[in-house]
Amino acid sequence: MVDVPDYSEWRGNDSSIIHVPYEYKSQLWIEQKLWDPVLVHSLFNTYWFWSVYLAIGYVVAVFTLDRWMQSRKPIVATWRFGEEFIHVVLNRPFRHSVCYSVDPTGPAAFWACCFALSKVAELGDTVFLVLRKRPLIFLHWYHHAVVLVYSWNSACELTAAGRWFIFMNYFVHSIMYSYYAITSLGYRFPKAASASVTTLQLTQMIVGVGISVFVLREKLVNAACQQSMDNLFLCFGIYASFALLFLKFFLDAYVFKKKKKVD
């Protein structure tokens, strides 16, 4: 029987580590090419104390923000972007709301930019699903991928119809994420609540298709409209596909599934 040493010793630039001797049968490419133990260990040795500053900054920021928010109205993207949206919808013809964009120097443009950037952060939703070994449905990753591409493409020209798309998305997501936050605490809503959230999402997609058709009609008669034809066709294709996918999801989750239980 071969004697196996209790431990081995690895030496870096400034220190050594005793470890269990174990050799993997195979290694991934990233493990071979991207992992430099000497460099990484040296960086942690040199800069680990930065974590203390980050932790202190985090605690101070959280409690400061908490006190600040208690004395002010919550700063919600829906409200800030919605101020301009509601004004235009109530005081101008519908055509203005889908053909004339937000003021590129005003707060609405800032929140439109935040909307586009937020689509990068939302990609993390998919990563967490995969890491938690949750089922990854086509609608989920397709939705995140194409919305990221379309929102950034729209940001190039600050499309006027984006006023509707952004407000609807902010509004629906504020309800949706509040719903998810409460359920994550262990509270279980009635089935009708989750069905209502999906209905809101489906309605959002149908409205998006309708707006795309309206804008196309305006552009075909050469009306001034802040949206290129390329972006418009992309918009119609995305919203039409979303409408079909969300309709299928709704029917599978709340109609056909219910019928099977009854049978």
Protein backbone atom coordinates (compact mmCIF):
# COMPACT_ATOMS: atom_id res chain seq x y z
CA MET A 1 0.00 0.00 0.00
CA VAL A 2 1.44 3.36 -1.05
CA ASP A 3 1.84 5.89 1.72
CA VAL A 4 0.07 9.14 0.93
CA PRO A 5 1.49 12.21 2.65
CA ASP A 6 -0.85 14.03 5.01
CA TYR A 7 -0.23 17.30 3.19
CA SER A 8 1.87 19.05 0.60
CA GLU A 9 3.33 22.54 0.69
CA TRP A 10 2.82 25.13 -2.01
CA ARG A 11 5.07 28.18 -2.10
CA GLY A 12 4.16 31.51 -3.64
CA ASN A 13 6.05 34.78 -3.75
CA ASP A 14 5.66 35.75 -0.11
CA SER A 15 4.13 32.80 1.69
CA SER A 16 3.41 29.09 1.67
CA ILE A 17 0.24 27.03 1.98
CA ILE A 18 -0.08 23.48 3.24
CA HIS A 19 -2.81 21.59 1.44
CA VAL A 20 -4.30 18.18 0.77
CA PRO A 21 -2.46 16.58 -2.17
CA TYR A 22 -5.05 15.80 -4.82
CA GLU A 23 -4.85 15.65 -8.61
CA TYR A 24 -7.95 16.06 -10.77
CA LYS A 25 -8.41 13.53 -13.53
CA SER A 26 -9.02 16.36 -15.99
CA GLN A 27 -9.03 20.16 -16.03
CA LEU A 28 -11.20 22.66 -17.86
CA TRP A 29 -9.60 25.06 -20.31
CA ILE A 30 -10.32 28.08 -18.12
CA GLU A 31 -8.76 26.31 -15.14
CA GLN A 32 -5.56 25.74 -17.08
CA LYS A 33 -5.28 29.03 -18.98
CA LEU A 34 -6.87 31.64 -16.73
CA TRP A 35 -5.83 30.47 -13.26
CA ASP A 36 -2.53 31.88 -12.00
CA PRO A 37 -2.24 30.89 -8.32
CA VAL A 38 0.92 32.93 -7.71
CA LEU A 39 -0.64 36.12 -9.10
CA VAL A 40 -4.01 35.66 -7.39
CA HIS A 41 -2.52 34.74 -4.02
CA SER A 42 -0.19 37.73 -4.24
CA LEU A 43 -3.09 40.08 -5.05
CA PHE A 44 -5.14 38.85 -2.10
CA ASN A 45 -2.12 39.13 0.19
CA THR A 46 -1.57 42.71 -0.90
CA TYR A 47 -5.12 44.02 -1.19
CA TRP A 48 -7.32 41.90 1.08
CA PHE A 49 -7.70 44.82 3.51
CA TRP A 50 -9.65 46.70 0.85
CA SER A 51 -12.54 44.42 1.76
CA VAL A 52 -12.67 46.14 5.17
CA TYR A 53 -13.06 49.55 3.51
CA LEU A 54 -15.72 48.14 1.18
CA ALA A 55 -17.62 46.58 4.09
CA ILE A 56 -17.51 49.82 6.10
CA GLY A 57 -18.58 51.84 3.06
CA TYR A 58 -21.43 49.40 2.43
CA VAL A 59 -22.75 49.64 6.00
CA VAL A 60 -22.49 53.44 6.05
CA ALA A 61 -24.18 53.74 2.64
CA VAL A 62 -27.04 51.40 3.56
CA PHE A 63 -27.89 53.15 6.83
CA THR A 64 -27.41 56.63 5.36
CA LEU A 65 -29.68 55.79 2.43
CA ASP A 66 -32.24 54.29 4.80
CA ARG A 67 -32.42 57.48 6.89
CA TRP A 68 -32.50 59.64 3.78
CA MET A 69 -35.33 57.63 2.24
CA GLN A 70 -37.39 57.86 5.44
CA SER A 71 -37.58 61.64 5.09
CA ARG A 72 -38.24 61.73 1.33
CA LYS A 73 -40.58 60.19 -1.16
CA PRO A 74 -39.13 56.97 -2.60
CA ILE A 75 -37.15 57.65 -5.76
CA VAL A 76 -38.65 55.10 -8.09
CA ALA A 77 -37.79 55.01 -11.76
CA THR A 78 -41.46 54.50 -12.57
CA TRP A 79 -42.39 57.76 -10.88
CA ARG A 80 -39.58 59.85 -12.31
CA PHE A 81 -39.99 58.62 -15.86
CA GLY A 82 -43.76 58.48 -15.41
CA GLU A 83 -44.02 62.21 -14.66
CA GLU A 84 -43.16 63.13 -18.25
CA PHE A 85 -45.04 60.14 -19.65
CA ILE A 86 -48.31 61.01 -17.89
CA HIS A 87 -48.01 64.68 -18.87
CA VAL A 88 -47.60 63.83 -22.55
CA VAL A 89 -50.35 61.19 -22.57
CA LEU A 90 -52.89 63.45 -20.83
CA ASN A 91 -52.09 66.75 -22.54
CA ARG A 92 -51.04 65.87 -26.07
CA PRO A 93 -52.41 63.76 -28.93
CA PHE A 94 -51.51 60.07 -28.78
CA ARG A 95 -49.37 60.50 -31.91
CA HIS A 96 -47.06 62.87 -30.04
CA SER A 97 -46.39 60.26 -27.36
CA VAL A 98 -45.18 57.69 -29.89
CA CYS A 99 -43.56 59.95 -32.49
CA TYR A 100 -41.86 62.71 -30.47
CA SER A 101 -39.20 61.53 -28.06
CA VAL A 102 -38.43 62.67 -24.51
CA ASP A 103 -36.20 65.72 -24.06
CA PRO A 104 -32.64 64.32 -24.37
CA THR A 105 -31.42 66.83 -21.76
CA GLY A 106 -34.12 66.07 -19.15
CA PRO A 107 -34.58 63.54 -16.33
CA ALA A 108 -36.68 61.24 -18.55
CA ALA A 109 -33.67 60.72 -20.82
CA PHE A 110 -31.55 59.89 -17.76
CA TRP A 111 -34.01 57.21 -16.69
CA ALA A 112 -34.22 55.93 -20.25
CA CYS A 113 -30.45 55.47 -20.13
CA CYS A 114 -30.75 53.71 -16.76
CA PHE A 115 -33.34 51.44 -18.32
CA ALA A 116 -30.94 50.38 -21.08
CA LEU A 117 -28.11 49.82 -18.59
CA SER A 118 -30.37 47.85 -16.24
CA LYS A 119 -30.84 45.24 -18.94
CA VAL A 120 -27.20 44.24 -18.45
CA ALA A 121 -27.73 43.74 -14.71
CA GLU A 122 -30.89 41.72 -15.38
CA LEU A 123 -28.81 39.11 -17.19
CA GLY A 124 -27.72 38.08 -13.70
CA ASP A 125 -31.22 36.66 -13.15
CA THR A 126 -30.42 33.87 -15.58
CA VAL A 127 -27.04 33.18 -13.98
CA PHE A 128 -28.66 32.76 -10.56
CA LEU A 129 -31.28 30.41 -12.00
CA VAL A 130 -28.58 28.21 -13.51
CA LEU A 131 -26.44 28.24 -10.35
CA ARG A 132 -29.48 27.26 -8.26
CA LYS A 133 -30.25 24.45 -10.74
CA ARG A 134 -33.66 25.90 -11.56
CA PRO A 135 -35.26 25.00 -14.91
CA LEU A 136 -34.22 27.46 -17.62
CA ILE A 137 -37.11 28.04 -20.02
CA PHE A 138 -36.71 29.52 -23.50
CA LEU A 139 -38.91 32.54 -22.70
CA HIS A 140 -36.60 33.59 -19.86
CA TRP A 141 -33.25 33.72 -21.65
CA TYR A 142 -34.74 34.84 -24.98
CA HIS A 143 -36.53 37.73 -23.26
CA HIS A 144 -33.39 38.97 -21.49
CA ALA A 145 -31.17 38.64 -24.56
CA VAL A 146 -33.37 40.41 -27.12
CA VAL A 147 -34.53 43.18 -24.74
CA LEU A 148 -30.88 44.02 -24.06
CA VAL A 149 -30.15 44.28 -27.79
CA TYR A 150 -33.30 46.25 -28.60
CA SER A 151 -33.01 48.70 -25.69
CA TRP A 152 -29.43 49.55 -26.62
CA ASN A 153 -30.33 49.89 -30.29
CA SER A 154 -33.20 52.21 -29.32
CA ALA A 155 -30.91 54.26 -27.09
CA CYS A 156 -28.86 55.17 -30.18
CA GLU A 157 -31.76 57.20 -31.56
CA LEU A 158 -33.82 57.72 -28.38
CA THR A 159 -36.91 56.29 -30.06
CA ALA A 160 -40.14 58.11 -29.26
CA ALA A 161 -42.17 54.92 -28.83
CA GLY A 162 -39.64 53.98 -26.17
CA ARG A 163 -41.56 56.36 -23.90
CA TRP A 164 -44.35 53.77 -23.78
CA PHE A 165 -42.10 50.73 -23.73
CA ILE A 166 -39.93 52.00 -20.88
CA PHE A 167 -42.83 53.18 -18.73
CA MET A 168 -44.71 49.91 -19.20
CA ASN A 169 -41.59 47.92 -18.38
CA TYR A 170 -40.80 49.99 -15.28
CA PHE A 171 -44.42 49.75 -14.10
CA VAL A 172 -44.82 46.01 -14.67
CA HIS A 173 -41.40 45.21 -13.19
CA SER A 174 -42.10 47.28 -10.07
CA ILE A 175 -45.15 45.07 -9.44
CA MET A 176 -43.44 41.87 -10.54
CA TYR A 177 -40.33 42.28 -8.38
CA SER A 178 -42.42 43.33 -5.38
CA TYR A 179 -44.38 40.10 -5.87
CA TYR A 180 -41.17 38.05 -6.06
CA ALA A 181 -39.70 39.80 -3.02
CA ILE A 182 -42.73 38.95 -0.88
CA THR A 183 -42.85 35.32 -2.06
CA SER A 184 -39.12 34.96 -1.29
CA LEU A 185 -39.98 35.71 2.35
CA GLY A 186 -42.17 32.61 2.42
CA TYR A 187 -45.59 34.16 1.78
CA ARG A 188 -47.66 32.34 -0.82
CA PHE A 189 -50.13 34.37 -2.87
CA PRO A 190 -53.28 32.83 -4.35
CA LYS A 191 -52.88 31.45 -7.87
CA ALA A 192 -54.86 34.41 -9.18
CA ALA A 193 -52.07 36.78 -8.12
CA SER A 194 -49.40 35.10 -10.23
CA ALA A 195 -51.89 34.86 -13.10
CA SER A 196 -52.49 38.62 -12.79
CA VAL A 197 -48.75 39.32 -13.03
CA THR A 198 -48.51 37.22 -16.20
CA THR A 199 -51.59 38.98 -17.60
CA LEU A 200 -49.90 42.35 -17.03
CA GLN A 201 -46.84 41.13 -18.93
CA LEU A 202 -48.98 39.80 -21.78
CA THR A 203 -50.90 43.10 -21.96
CA GLN A 204 -47.59 44.96 -22.16
CA MET A 205 -46.59 42.91 -25.20
CA ILE A 206 -49.92 43.38 -26.98
CA VAL A 207 -49.75 47.16 -26.44
CA GLY A 208 -46.20 47.09 -27.83
CA VAL A 209 -47.43 45.40 -31.02
CA GLY A 210 -50.25 47.94 -31.35
CA ILE A 211 -47.90 50.91 -30.95
CA SER A 212 -45.53 49.45 -33.56
CA VAL A 213 -48.39 49.17 -36.06
CA PHE A 214 -49.48 52.76 -35.33
CA VAL A 215 -45.96 54.13 -35.80
CA LEU A 216 -45.60 52.21 -39.08
CA ARG A 217 -48.80 53.80 -40.35
CA GLU A 218 -47.46 57.26 -39.46
CA LYS A 219 -44.15 56.65 -41.20
CA LEU A 220 -45.84 55.33 -44.35
CA VAL A 221 -47.53 58.74 -44.77
CA ASN A 222 -44.17 60.47 -44.13
CA ALA A 223 -45.18 61.92 -40.76
CA ALA A 224 -42.32 63.10 -38.55
CA CYS A 225 -41.57 60.22 -36.19
CA GLN A 226 -38.46 59.64 -34.07
CA GLN A 227 -37.90 55.99 -34.94
CA SER A 228 -36.03 54.41 -37.82
CA MET A 229 -37.67 51.74 -39.93
CA ASP A 230 -34.98 49.23 -38.94
CA ASN A 231 -35.68 49.80 -35.26
CA LEU A 232 -39.43 49.68 -35.89
CA PHE A 233 -39.28 46.30 -37.64
CA LEU A 234 -37.05 44.96 -34.86
CA CYS A 235 -39.53 46.31 -32.32
CA PHE A 236 -42.53 44.70 -34.02
CA GLY A 237 -40.79 41.34 -34.35
CA ILE A 238 -39.74 41.29 -30.70
CA TYR A 239 -43.11 42.36 -29.27
CA ALA A 240 -45.03 39.99 -31.56
CA SER A 241 -42.83 37.06 -30.49
CA PHE A 242 -43.16 38.07 -26.83
CA ALA A 243 -46.95 38.26 -27.14
CA LEU A 244 -47.10 34.73 -28.55
CA LEU A 245 -44.66 33.33 -25.98
CA PHE A 246 -46.38 34.95 -23.00
CA LEU A 247 -49.78 33.83 -24.31
CA LYS A 248 -48.50 30.26 -24.58
CA PHE A 249 -46.99 30.49 -21.09
CA PHE A 250 -50.27 31.83 -19.68
CA LEU A 251 -52.34 29.09 -21.31
CA ASP A 252 -49.94 26.32 -20.23
CA ALA A 253 -49.65 27.59 -16.66
CA TYR A 254 -53.20 28.69 -15.87
CA VAL A 255 -55.64 27.24 -18.41
CA PHE A 256 -54.51 23.84 -19.68
CA LYS A 257 -52.89 22.94 -16.36
CA LYS A 258 -56.14 23.72 -14.54
CA LYS A 259 -58.14 21.58 -16.97
CA LYS A 260 -55.80 18.62 -16.42
CA LYS A 261 -56.31 18.86 -12.65
CA VAL A 262 -60.08 18.89 -13.11
CA ASP A 263 -59.94 15.84 -15.41
